[in-house]
Amino acid sequence: MEELTVLLNNVPDSYFDFVSAMVHYAQKKQSRLDALLNFLNSNPDVSSSDIVKFVSEQADFFEDAAYMSAS
């Protein structure tokens, strides 16, 4: 998780809530962390909005929301 945090903080338009949200998303599953790290390492000039778009397009993105509304 430390590598992810460093990469996210190095995004030029990074901000606290963005980093926090991406780390929270990645903590849920190893596959999420792996996908996000791969995306960041493959796209060094990415913006925070590009990362949010990538995460929101993941097949499991809405799993957390579905879980929360089912409780």
PDB file of N, CA and C in Angstrom:
ATOM      1  N   MET A   1       0.826  -1.189   0.000  1.00  0.00           N
ATOM      2  CA  MET A   1       0.000   0.000   0.000  1.00  0.00           C
ATOM      3  C   MET A   1       0.877   1.262   0.000  1.00  0.00           C
ATOM      4  N   GLU A   2       2.060   1.141   0.537  1.00  0.00           N
ATOM      5  CA  GLU A   2       2.955   2.294   0.588  1.00  0.00           C
ATOM      6  C   GLU A   2       3.341   2.751  -0.824  1.00  0.00           C
ATOM      7  N   GLU A   3       3.613   1.788  -1.709  1.00  0.00           N
ATOM      8  CA  GLU A   3       3.960   2.141  -3.089  1.00  0.00           C
ATOM      9  C   GLU A   3       2.802   2.896  -3.757  1.00  0.00           C
ATOM     10  N   LEU A   4       1.596   2.423  -3.543  1.00  0.00           N
ATOM     11  CA  LEU A   4       0.421   3.078  -4.113  1.00  0.00           C
ATOM     12  C   LEU A   4       0.300   4.506  -3.597  1.00  0.00           C
ATOM     13  N   THR A   5       0.448   4.691  -2.310  1.00  0.00           N
ATOM     14  CA  THR A   5       0.339   6.022  -1.713  1.00  0.00           C
ATOM     15  C   THR A   5       1.379   6.976  -2.290  1.00  0.00           C
ATOM     16  N   VAL A   6       2.584   6.499  -2.450  1.00  0.00           N
ATOM     17  CA  VAL A   6       3.647   7.336  -3.028  1.00  0.00           C
ATOM     18  C   VAL A   6       3.309   7.713  -4.464  1.00  0.00           C
ATOM     19  N   LEU A   7       2.893   6.722  -5.262  1.00  0.00           N
ATOM     20  CA  LEU A   7       2.539   6.998  -6.653  1.00  0.00           C
ATOM     21  C   LEU A   7       1.386   7.994  -6.752  1.00  0.00           C
ATOM     22  N   LEU A   8       0.379   7.816  -5.932  1.00  0.00           N
ATOM     23  CA  LEU A   8      -0.777   8.722  -5.959  1.00  0.00           C
ATOM     24  C   LEU A   8      -0.401  10.136  -5.531  1.00  0.00           C
ATOM     25  N   ASN A   9       0.426  10.247  -4.528  1.00  0.00           N
ATOM     26  CA  ASN A   9       0.865  11.571  -4.071  1.00  0.00           C
ATOM     27  C   ASN A   9       1.762  12.267  -5.091  1.00  0.00           C
ATOM     28  N   ASN A  10       2.374  11.504  -5.987  1.00  0.00           N
ATOM     29  CA  ASN A  10       3.230  12.078  -7.017  1.00  0.00           C
ATOM     30  C   ASN A  10       2.468  12.500  -8.268  1.00  0.00           C
ATOM     31  N   VAL A  11       1.187  12.207  -8.334  1.00  0.00           N
ATOM     32  CA  VAL A  11       0.366  12.680  -9.447  1.00  0.00           C
ATOM     33  C   VAL A  11       0.305  14.203  -9.337  1.00  0.00           C
ATOM     34  N   PRO A  12       0.587  14.918 -10.452  1.00  0.00           N
ATOM     35  CA  PRO A  12       0.693  16.384 -10.363  1.00  0.00           C
ATOM     36  C   PRO A  12      -0.508  17.096  -9.728  1.00  0.00           C
ATOM     37  N   ASP A  13      -1.720  16.633  -9.983  1.00  0.00           N
ATOM     38  CA  ASP A  13      -2.886  17.309  -9.407  1.00  0.00           C
ATOM     39  C   ASP A  13      -3.506  16.522  -8.251  1.00  0.00           C
ATOM     40  N   SER A  14      -2.660  15.783  -7.556  1.00  0.00           N
ATOM     41  CA  SER A  14      -3.098  14.965  -6.429  1.00  0.00           C
ATOM     42  C   SER A  14      -3.614  15.829  -5.279  1.00  0.00           C
ATOM     43  N   TYR A  15      -4.548  15.274  -4.522  1.00  0.00           N
ATOM     44  CA  TYR A  15      -5.074  15.946  -3.342  1.00  0.00           C
ATOM     45  C   TYR A  15      -5.489  14.887  -2.315  1.00  0.00           C
ATOM     46  N   PHE A  16      -5.614  15.277  -1.072  1.00  0.00           N
ATOM     47  CA  PHE A  16      -5.794  14.342   0.033  1.00  0.00           C
ATOM     48  C   PHE A  16      -6.979  13.393  -0.167  1.00  0.00           C
ATOM     49  N   ASP A  17      -8.158  13.923  -0.481  1.00  0.00           N
ATOM     50  CA  ASP A  17      -9.343  13.066  -0.610  1.00  0.00           C
ATOM     51  C   ASP A  17      -9.208  12.077  -1.761  1.00  0.00           C
ATOM     52  N   PHE A  18      -8.543  12.474  -2.832  1.00  0.00           N
ATOM     53  CA  PHE A  18      -8.288  11.585  -3.961  1.00  0.00           C
ATOM     54  C   PHE A  18      -7.418  10.415  -3.525  1.00  0.00           C
ATOM     55  N   VAL A  19      -6.304  10.709  -2.881  1.00  0.00           N
ATOM     56  CA  VAL A  19      -5.398   9.650  -2.418  1.00  0.00           C
ATOM     57  C   VAL A  19      -6.123   8.738  -1.438  1.00  0.00           C
ATOM     58  N   SER A  20      -6.837   9.317  -0.516  1.00  0.00           N
ATOM     59  CA  SER A  20      -7.577   8.542   0.477  1.00  0.00           C
ATOM     60  C   SER A  20      -8.594   7.602  -0.177  1.00  0.00           C
ATOM     61  N   ALA A  21      -9.338   8.097  -1.140  1.00  0.00           N
ATOM     62  CA  ALA A  21     -10.352   7.282  -1.822  1.00  0.00           C
ATOM     63  C   ALA A  21      -9.722   6.145  -2.612  1.00  0.00           C
ATOM     64  N   MET A  22      -8.631   6.411  -3.303  1.00  0.00           N
ATOM     65  CA  MET A  22      -7.975   5.367  -4.106  1.00  0.00           C
ATOM     66  C   MET A  22      -7.352   4.296  -3.211  1.00  0.00           C
ATOM     67  N   VAL A  23      -6.765   4.716  -2.108  1.00  0.00           N
ATOM     68  CA  VAL A  23      -6.189   3.741  -1.161  1.00  0.00           C
ATOM     69  C   VAL A  23      -7.306   2.905  -0.552  1.00  0.00           C
ATOM     70  N   HIS A  24      -8.398   3.533  -0.180  1.00  0.00           N
ATOM     71  CA  HIS A  24      -9.535   2.805   0.390  1.00  0.00           C
ATOM     72  C   HIS A  24     -10.058   1.767  -0.606  1.00  0.00           C
ATOM     73  N   TYR A  25     -10.199   2.165  -1.867  1.00  0.00           N
ATOM     74  CA  TYR A  25     -10.650   1.242  -2.913  1.00  0.00           C
ATOM     75  C   TYR A  25      -9.683   0.057  -3.028  1.00  0.00           C
ATOM     76  N   ALA A  26      -8.397   0.337  -3.063  1.00  0.00           N
ATOM     77  CA  ALA A  26      -7.387  -0.702  -3.272  1.00  0.00           C
ATOM     78  C   ALA A  26      -7.240  -1.637  -2.073  1.00  0.00           C
ATOM     79  N   GLN A  27      -7.567  -1.176  -0.882  1.00  0.00           N
ATOM     80  CA  GLN A  27      -7.427  -2.006   0.322  1.00  0.00           C
ATOM     81  C   GLN A  27      -8.416  -3.158   0.358  1.00  0.00           C
ATOM     82  N   LYS A  28      -9.492  -3.052  -0.387  1.00  0.00           N
ATOM     83  CA  LYS A  28     -10.551  -4.056  -0.331  1.00  0.00           C
ATOM     84  C   LYS A  28     -10.154  -5.399  -0.930  1.00  0.00           C
ATOM     85  N   LYS A  29      -9.332  -5.380  -1.987  1.00  0.00           N
ATOM     86  CA  LYS A  29      -8.935  -6.614  -2.683  1.00  0.00           C
ATOM     87  C   LYS A  29      -7.535  -6.452  -3.261  1.00  0.00           C
ATOM     88  N   GLN A  30      -6.776  -7.521  -3.215  1.00  0.00           N
ATOM     89  CA  GLN A  30      -5.439  -7.503  -3.801  1.00  0.00           C
ATOM     90  C   GLN A  30      -5.509  -7.231  -5.304  1.00  0.00           C
ATOM     91  N   SER A  31      -6.528  -7.751  -5.966  1.00  0.00           N
ATOM     92  CA  SER A  31      -6.652  -7.532  -7.418  1.00  0.00           C
ATOM     93  C   SER A  31      -6.848  -6.051  -7.737  1.00  0.00           C
ATOM     94  N   ARG A  32      -7.525  -5.325  -6.874  1.00  0.00           N
ATOM     95  CA  ARG A  32      -7.697  -3.884  -7.070  1.00  0.00           C
ATOM     96  C   ARG A  32      -6.363  -3.170  -6.941  1.00  0.00           C
ATOM     97  N   LEU A  33      -5.618  -3.523  -5.923  1.00  0.00           N
ATOM     98  CA  LEU A  33      -4.304  -2.923  -5.714  1.00  0.00           C
ATOM     99  C   LEU A  33      -3.399  -3.211  -6.901  1.00  0.00           C
ATOM    100  N   ASP A  34      -3.376  -4.446  -7.339  1.00  0.00           N
ATOM    101  CA  ASP A  34      -2.531  -4.827  -8.469  1.00  0.00           C
ATOM    102  C   ASP A  34      -2.908  -4.066  -9.737  1.00  0.00           C
ATOM    103  N   ALA A  35      -4.203  -3.959 -10.012  1.00  0.00           N
ATOM    104  CA  ALA A  35      -4.666  -3.259 -11.208  1.00  0.00           C
ATOM    105  C   ALA A  35      -4.287  -1.777 -11.150  1.00  0.00           C
ATOM    106  N   LEU A  36      -4.470  -1.174 -10.005  1.00  0.00           N
ATOM    107  CA  LEU A  36      -4.168   0.247  -9.852  1.00  0.00           C
ATOM    108  C   LEU A  36      -2.663   0.505  -9.955  1.00  0.00           C
ATOM    109  N   LEU A  37      -1.861  -0.326  -9.322  1.00  0.00           N
ATOM    110  CA  LEU A  37      -0.406  -0.180  -9.425  1.00  0.00           C
ATOM    111  C   LEU A  37       0.052  -0.362 -10.865  1.00  0.00           C
ATOM    112  N   ASN A  38      -0.481  -1.348 -11.547  1.00  0.00           N
ATOM    113  CA  ASN A  38      -0.120  -1.584 -12.939  1.00  0.00           C
ATOM    114  C   ASN A  38      -0.492  -0.380 -13.803  1.00  0.00           C
ATOM    115  N   PHE A  39      -1.691   0.155 -13.593  1.00  0.00           N
ATOM    116  CA  PHE A  39      -2.138   1.320 -14.349  1.00  0.00           C
ATOM    117  C   PHE A  39      -1.216   2.510 -14.109  1.00  0.00           C
ATOM    118  N   LEU A  40      -0.896   2.786 -12.864  1.00  0.00           N
ATOM    119  CA  LEU A  40      -0.047   3.930 -12.525  1.00  0.00           C
ATOM    120  C   LEU A  40       1.369   3.765 -13.068  1.00  0.00           C
ATOM    121  N   ASN A  41       1.906   2.565 -12.951  1.00  0.00           N
ATOM    122  CA  ASN A  41       3.260   2.325 -13.436  1.00  0.00           C
ATOM    123  C   ASN A  41       3.332   2.345 -14.958  1.00  0.00           C
ATOM    124  N   SER A  42       2.238   2.016 -15.624  1.00  0.00           N
ATOM    125  CA  SER A  42       2.196   2.009 -17.094  1.00  0.00           C
ATOM    126  C   SER A  42       1.860   3.374 -17.674  1.00  0.00           C
ATOM    127  N   ASN A  43       1.372   4.284 -16.834  1.00  0.00           N
ATOM    128  CA  ASN A  43       0.939   5.611 -17.285  1.00  0.00           C
ATOM    129  C   ASN A  43       1.513   6.689 -16.363  1.00  0.00           C
ATOM    130  N   PRO A  44       2.802   6.960 -16.479  1.00  0.00           N
ATOM    131  CA  PRO A  44       3.436   7.893 -15.527  1.00  0.00           C
ATOM    132  C   PRO A  44       2.942   9.340 -15.608  1.00  0.00           C
ATOM    133  N   ASP A  45       2.331   9.735 -16.714  1.00  0.00           N
ATOM    134  CA  ASP A  45       1.878  11.122 -16.863  1.00  0.00           C
ATOM    135  C   ASP A  45       0.378  11.273 -16.645  1.00  0.00           C
ATOM    136  N   VAL A  46      -0.205  10.358 -15.931  1.00  0.00           N
ATOM    137  CA  VAL A  46      -1.649  10.330 -15.719  1.00  0.00           C
ATOM    138  C   VAL A  46      -2.087  11.418 -14.731  1.00  0.00           C
ATOM    139  N   SER A  47      -3.328  11.879 -14.876  1.00  0.00           N
ATOM    140  CA  SER A  47      -3.884  12.868 -13.949  1.00  0.00           C
ATOM    141  C   SER A  47      -4.808  12.166 -12.949  1.00  0.00           C
ATOM    142  N   SER A  48      -5.201  12.877 -11.922  1.00  0.00           N
ATOM    143  CA  SER A  48      -6.096  12.282 -10.926  1.00  0.00           C
ATOM    144  C   SER A  48      -7.429  11.898 -11.569  1.00  0.00           C
ATOM    145  N   SER A  49      -7.942  12.707 -12.483  1.00  0.00           N
ATOM    146  CA  SER A  49      -9.211  12.369 -13.135  1.00  0.00           C
ATOM    147  C   SER A  49      -9.079  11.127 -14.017  1.00  0.00           C
ATOM    148  N   ASP A  50      -7.920  10.924 -14.637  1.00  0.00           N
ATOM    149  CA  ASP A  50      -7.689   9.699 -15.415  1.00  0.00           C
ATOM    150  C   ASP A  50      -7.738   8.471 -14.509  1.00  0.00           C
ATOM    151  N   ILE A  51      -7.191   8.604 -13.324  1.00  0.00           N
ATOM    152  CA  ILE A  51      -7.164   7.488 -12.373  1.00  0.00           C
ATOM    153  C   ILE A  51      -8.567   7.203 -11.853  1.00  0.00           C
ATOM    154  N   VAL A  52      -9.304   8.241 -11.522  1.00  0.00           N
ATOM    155  CA  VAL A  52     -10.685   8.068 -11.062  1.00  0.00           C
ATOM    156  C   VAL A  52     -11.503   7.392 -12.155  1.00  0.00           C
ATOM    157  N   LYS A  53     -11.315   7.803 -13.392  1.00  0.00           N
ATOM    158  CA  LYS A  53     -12.030   7.189 -14.516  1.00  0.00           C
ATOM    159  C   LYS A  53     -11.665   5.711 -14.628  1.00  0.00           C
ATOM    160  N   PHE A  54     -10.367   5.399 -14.544  1.00  0.00           N
ATOM    161  CA  PHE A  54      -9.925   4.004 -14.614  1.00  0.00           C
ATOM    162  C   PHE A  54     -10.593   3.170 -13.520  1.00  0.00           C
ATOM    163  N   VAL A  55     -10.565   3.644 -12.304  1.00  0.00           N
ATOM    164  CA  VAL A  55     -11.151   2.902 -11.178  1.00  0.00           C
ATOM    165  C   VAL A  55     -12.656   2.744 -11.359  1.00  0.00           C
ATOM    166  N   SER A  56     -13.324   3.794 -11.790  1.00  0.00           N
ATOM    167  CA  SER A  56     -14.779   3.724 -11.939  1.00  0.00           C
ATOM    168  C   SER A  56     -15.212   2.804 -13.071  1.00  0.00           C
ATOM    169  N   GLU A  57     -14.313   2.477 -13.970  1.00  0.00           N
ATOM    170  CA  GLU A  57     -14.618   1.554 -15.063  1.00  0.00           C
ATOM    171  C   GLU A  57     -14.321   0.095 -14.725  1.00  0.00           C
ATOM    172  N   GLN A  58     -13.801  -0.163 -13.530  1.00  0.00           N
ATOM    173  CA  GLN A  58     -13.500  -1.538 -13.127  1.00  0.00           C
ATOM    174  C   GLN A  58     -14.791  -2.289 -12.831  1.00  0.00           C
ATOM    175  N   ALA A  59     -14.784  -3.577 -13.181  1.00  0.00           N
ATOM    176  CA  ALA A  59     -15.992  -4.398 -13.042  1.00  0.00           C
ATOM    177  C   ALA A  59     -16.511  -4.440 -11.601  1.00  0.00           C
ATOM    178  N   ASP A  60     -15.610  -4.360 -10.629  1.00  0.00           N
ATOM    179  CA  ASP A  60     -16.024  -4.473  -9.221  1.00  0.00           C
ATOM    180  C   ASP A  60     -16.208  -3.113  -8.537  1.00  0.00           C
ATOM    181  N   PHE A  61     -16.198  -2.037  -9.304  1.00  0.00           N
ATOM    182  CA  PHE A  61     -16.278  -0.708  -8.713  1.00  0.00           C
ATOM    183  C   PHE A  61     -17.523  -0.513  -7.855  1.00  0.00           C
ATOM    184  N   PHE A  62     -18.650  -1.043  -8.293  1.00  0.00           N
ATOM    185  CA  PHE A  62     -19.904  -0.822  -7.582  1.00  0.00           C
ATOM    186  C   PHE A  62     -20.190  -1.856  -6.498  1.00  0.00           C
ATOM    187  N   GLU A  63     -19.273  -2.801  -6.290  1.00  0.00           N
ATOM    188  CA  GLU A  63     -19.478  -3.803  -5.241  1.00  0.00           C
ATOM    189  C   GLU A  63     -19.638  -3.163  -3.864  1.00  0.00           C
ATOM    190  N   ASP A  64     -18.833  -2.182  -3.565  1.00  0.00           N
ATOM    191  CA  ASP A  64     -18.899  -1.523  -2.250  1.00  0.00           C
ATOM    192  C   ASP A  64     -20.221  -0.807  -2.073  1.00  0.00           C
ATOM    193  N   ALA A  65     -20.683  -0.137  -3.106  1.00  0.00           N
ATOM    194  CA  ALA A  65     -21.949   0.594  -3.033  1.00  0.00           C
ATOM    195  C   ALA A  65     -23.112  -0.386  -2.863  1.00  0.00           C
ATOM    196  N   ALA A  66     -23.063  -1.508  -3.565  1.00  0.00           N
ATOM    197  CA  ALA A  66     -24.117  -2.509  -3.475  1.00  0.00           C
ATOM    198  C   ALA A  66     -24.139  -3.111  -2.070  1.00  0.00           C
ATOM    199  N   TYR A  67     -22.971  -3.344  -1.516  1.00  0.00           N
ATOM    200  CA  TYR A  67     -22.886  -3.898  -0.171  1.00  0.00           C
ATOM    201  C   TYR A  67     -23.478  -2.923   0.842  1.00  0.00           C
ATOM    202  N   MET A  68     -23.123  -1.650   0.680  1.00  0.00           N
ATOM    203  CA  MET A  68     -23.596  -0.644   1.636  1.00  0.00           C
ATOM    204  C   MET A  68     -25.124  -0.499   1.585  1.00  0.00           C
ATOM    205  N   SER A  69     -25.707  -0.517   0.402  1.00  0.00           N
ATOM    206  CA  SER A  69     -27.151  -0.338   0.322  1.00  0.00           C
ATOM    207  C   SER A  69     -27.912  -1.596   0.709  1.00  0.00           C
ATOM    208  N   ALA A  70     -27.234  -2.753   0.691  1.00  0.00           N
ATOM    209  CA  ALA A  70     -27.891  -3.999   1.084  1.00  0.00           C
ATOM    210  C   ALA A  70     -27.910  -4.168   2.600  1.00  0.00           C
ATOM    211  N   SER A  71     -27.045  -3.432   3.316  1.00  0.00           N
ATOM    212  CA  SER A  71     -26.977  -3.602   4.778  1.00  0.00           C
ATOM    213  C   SER A  71     -28.102  -2.911   5.496  1.00  0.00           C
TER     214      SER A  71
END
